[in-house]
Amino acid sequence: MVGAPQLIKGAEELNGLDIILLGLVVLIATPVAMVFTNLFYFIHQRNYLYIAITLVILTNLTIAIVVLPSLIK
């Protein structure tokens, strides 16, 4: 497991593997950030159905990113 400081330092040093890993982190973080943004928007709009759907999606993303990798090892 690579930590964030090591990943950023490696990317600054133009280490190819760290650049690829940083790109993967950005690709994973983009949809997660979009789900969070939509959640706050739906809360502001008081659209309870979409809030529930967004929370289910956020739960699935969290399980897929945090829990499943530890189970695969």
Protein backbone atom coordinates (compact mmCIF):
# COMPACT_ATOMS: atom_id res chain seq x y z
CA MET A 1 0.00 0.00 0.00
CA VAL A 2 1.33 3.38 -1.01
CA GLY A 3 0.59 6.44 1.08
CA ALA A 4 -0.50 9.76 -0.37
CA PRO A 5 2.75 11.64 0.46
CA GLN A 6 4.84 8.90 -1.14
CA LEU A 7 2.57 8.86 -4.18
CA ILE A 8 2.80 12.63 -4.70
CA LYS A 9 6.57 12.63 -4.11
CA GLY A 10 7.01 9.80 -6.61
CA ALA A 11 4.90 11.63 -9.19
CA GLU A 12 6.96 14.79 -8.71
CA GLU A 13 10.09 12.72 -9.31
CA LEU A 14 8.45 11.38 -12.50
CA ASN A 15 8.36 7.81 -11.24
CA GLY A 16 6.20 6.02 -13.81
CA LEU A 17 4.41 3.68 -11.41
CA ASP A 18 3.54 6.50 -9.03
CA ILE A 19 2.17 8.60 -11.89
CA ILE A 20 -0.03 5.70 -12.98
CA LEU A 21 -1.24 5.15 -9.40
CA LEU A 22 -1.96 8.86 -8.99
CA GLY A 23 -3.99 8.76 -12.21
CA LEU A 24 -5.98 5.80 -10.89
CA VAL A 25 -6.67 7.64 -7.63
CA VAL A 26 -7.95 10.64 -9.58
CA LEU A 27 -10.13 8.39 -11.76
CA ILE A 28 -11.62 6.74 -8.67
CA ALA A 29 -12.04 10.01 -6.75
CA THR A 30 -13.92 11.79 -9.56
CA PRO A 31 -17.16 9.75 -9.38
CA VAL A 32 -17.02 9.69 -5.59
CA ALA A 33 -16.77 13.49 -5.51
CA MET A 34 -19.66 13.71 -7.96
CA VAL A 35 -21.83 11.51 -5.73
CA PHE A 36 -21.02 13.71 -2.71
CA THR A 37 -21.82 16.83 -4.72
CA ASN A 38 -25.12 15.38 -5.87
CA LEU A 39 -25.96 14.32 -2.32
CA PHE A 40 -25.60 17.89 -1.05
CA TYR A 41 -27.59 19.18 -4.02
CA PHE A 42 -30.43 16.75 -3.35
CA ILE A 43 -30.40 17.63 0.35
CA HIS A 44 -30.67 21.29 -0.59
CA GLN A 45 -33.56 20.52 -2.95
CA ARG A 46 -35.19 18.23 -0.33
CA ASN A 47 -35.58 15.49 -2.92
CA TYR A 48 -35.80 12.53 -0.54
CA LEU A 49 -36.02 9.81 -3.16
CA TYR A 50 -32.78 10.94 -4.80
CA ILE A 51 -31.15 11.37 -1.39
CA ALA A 52 -31.92 7.73 -0.61
CA ILE A 53 -30.67 6.54 -4.01
CA THR A 54 -27.50 8.60 -3.65
CA LEU A 55 -26.85 7.19 -0.18
CA VAL A 56 -27.19 3.65 -1.55
CA ILE A 57 -24.70 4.47 -4.30
CA LEU A 58 -22.32 6.08 -1.81
CA THR A 59 -22.56 3.02 0.42
CA ASN A 60 -21.79 0.74 -2.52
CA LEU A 61 -18.79 2.86 -3.51
CA THR A 62 -17.49 2.87 0.05
CA ILE A 63 -17.80 -0.89 0.32
CA ALA A 64 -16.11 -1.38 -3.05
CA ILE A 65 -13.23 0.95 -2.25
CA VAL A 66 -12.63 0.25 1.45
CA VAL A 67 -14.02 -3.14 2.45
CA LEU A 68 -13.60 -5.38 -0.60
CA PRO A 69 -9.84 -4.86 -1.05
CA SER A 70 -9.24 -5.99 2.53
CA LEU A 71 -11.36 -9.11 1.94
CA ILE A 72 -9.50 -10.03 -1.24
CA LYS A 73 -6.10 -10.19 0.48
